[in-house]
Amino acid sequence: MPKCQRCGNEISFASSRVPNITPWANGVLSALTGQFEGEELSYLENLGVHNQLSQRVFENPRQYFDTCAICGSTKVIWP
């Protein structure tokens, strides 16, 4: 599971690789936000991302989730 080195968050992360296409309506982090339970991606909030990309994210979350959705830090580590 990912962990934020700044705030200790181990649950909610965003992807800087998928910028938010409507930041004025949905915030500024990402079009993808993932919720983790242990080592598994349990929920993916998708704000306008096509289904093929969503499937790739579920198959390889380590490649996408690199930003803490709590504090915004990019100091995210994966064991």
Protein backbone atom coordinates (compact mmCIF):
# COMPACT_ATOMS: atom_id res chain seq x y z
CA MET A 1 0.00 0.00 0.00
CA PRO A 2 1.17 3.54 -0.57
CA LYS A 3 2.06 5.79 2.34
CA CYS A 4 2.54 9.55 2.48
CA GLN A 5 5.86 10.40 4.12
CA ARG A 6 4.56 13.83 5.09
CA CYS A 7 1.26 13.11 6.88
CA GLY A 8 1.19 9.31 7.21
CA ASN A 9 -1.92 8.82 5.07
CA GLU A 10 -2.32 5.22 3.85
CA ILE A 11 -5.83 5.44 2.42
CA SER A 12 -6.48 8.18 -0.15
CA PHE A 13 -4.21 9.03 -3.10
CA ALA A 14 -4.43 10.86 -6.40
CA SER A 15 -2.58 10.59 -9.69
CA SER A 16 -0.51 13.46 -11.05
CA ARG A 17 -0.34 11.55 -14.34
CA VAL A 18 -4.05 12.18 -14.93
CA PRO A 19 -4.77 15.89 -14.47
CA ASN A 20 -8.25 17.03 -13.58
CA ILE A 21 -10.02 18.31 -16.68
CA THR A 22 -12.49 20.40 -14.65
CA PRO A 23 -10.59 21.80 -11.63
CA TRP A 24 -13.12 24.61 -11.20
CA ALA A 25 -15.82 22.03 -10.43
CA ASN A 26 -14.00 19.14 -8.79
CA GLY A 27 -10.93 20.50 -7.05
CA VAL A 28 -7.39 20.60 -8.36
CA LEU A 29 -5.72 17.28 -7.56
CA SER A 30 -6.57 14.74 -10.23
CA ALA A 31 -9.22 13.12 -12.35
CA LEU A 32 -8.40 9.90 -10.47
CA THR A 33 -8.52 9.41 -6.72
CA GLY A 34 -8.06 5.97 -5.21
CA GLN A 35 -9.00 4.60 -1.83
CA PHE A 36 -6.84 1.79 -0.50
CA GLU A 37 -7.59 -0.98 1.99
CA GLY A 38 -4.34 -2.66 2.90
CA GLU A 39 -2.48 -3.40 -0.31
CA GLU A 40 -5.58 -3.33 -2.50
CA LEU A 41 -7.14 -0.45 -4.40
CA SER A 42 -10.70 -0.69 -3.10
CA TYR A 43 -12.35 2.31 -4.76
CA LEU A 44 -11.54 4.51 -7.71
CA GLU A 45 -13.18 7.90 -8.15
CA ASN A 46 -13.12 8.68 -11.84
CA LEU A 47 -13.84 12.23 -12.98
CA GLY A 48 -14.08 11.89 -16.76
CA VAL A 49 -11.40 9.28 -17.43
CA HIS A 50 -12.17 6.68 -20.08
CA ASN A 51 -12.82 3.10 -18.98
CA GLN A 52 -9.64 1.66 -20.52
CA LEU A 53 -7.47 3.94 -18.40
CA SER A 54 -9.51 3.16 -15.28
CA GLN A 55 -8.92 -0.55 -15.90
CA ARG A 56 -5.15 0.01 -16.30
CA VAL A 57 -5.12 1.94 -13.03
CA PHE A 58 -6.84 -0.92 -11.20
CA GLU A 59 -4.34 -3.38 -12.69
CA ASN A 60 -1.27 -1.32 -11.74
CA PRO A 61 -2.06 1.35 -9.11
CA ARG A 62 1.64 1.72 -8.21
CA GLN A 63 2.25 3.28 -11.62
CA TYR A 64 -0.42 5.96 -11.16
CA PHE A 65 -0.95 6.97 -7.52
CA ASP A 66 1.84 9.34 -6.54
CA THR A 67 0.14 12.19 -4.68
CA CYS A 68 -1.41 12.24 -1.21
CA ALA A 69 -5.07 13.24 -1.47
CA ILE A 70 -5.00 14.48 2.14
CA CYS A 71 -2.05 16.90 2.22
CA GLY A 72 -1.07 17.12 -1.47
CA SER A 73 2.46 15.85 -0.93
CA THR A 74 4.23 13.92 -3.68
CA LYS A 75 6.42 12.18 -1.10
CA VAL A 76 4.56 8.88 -1.48
CA ILE A 77 6.34 5.59 -0.94
CA TRP A 78 5.30 2.12 -1.97
CA PRO A 79 6.77 -0.82 -0.03
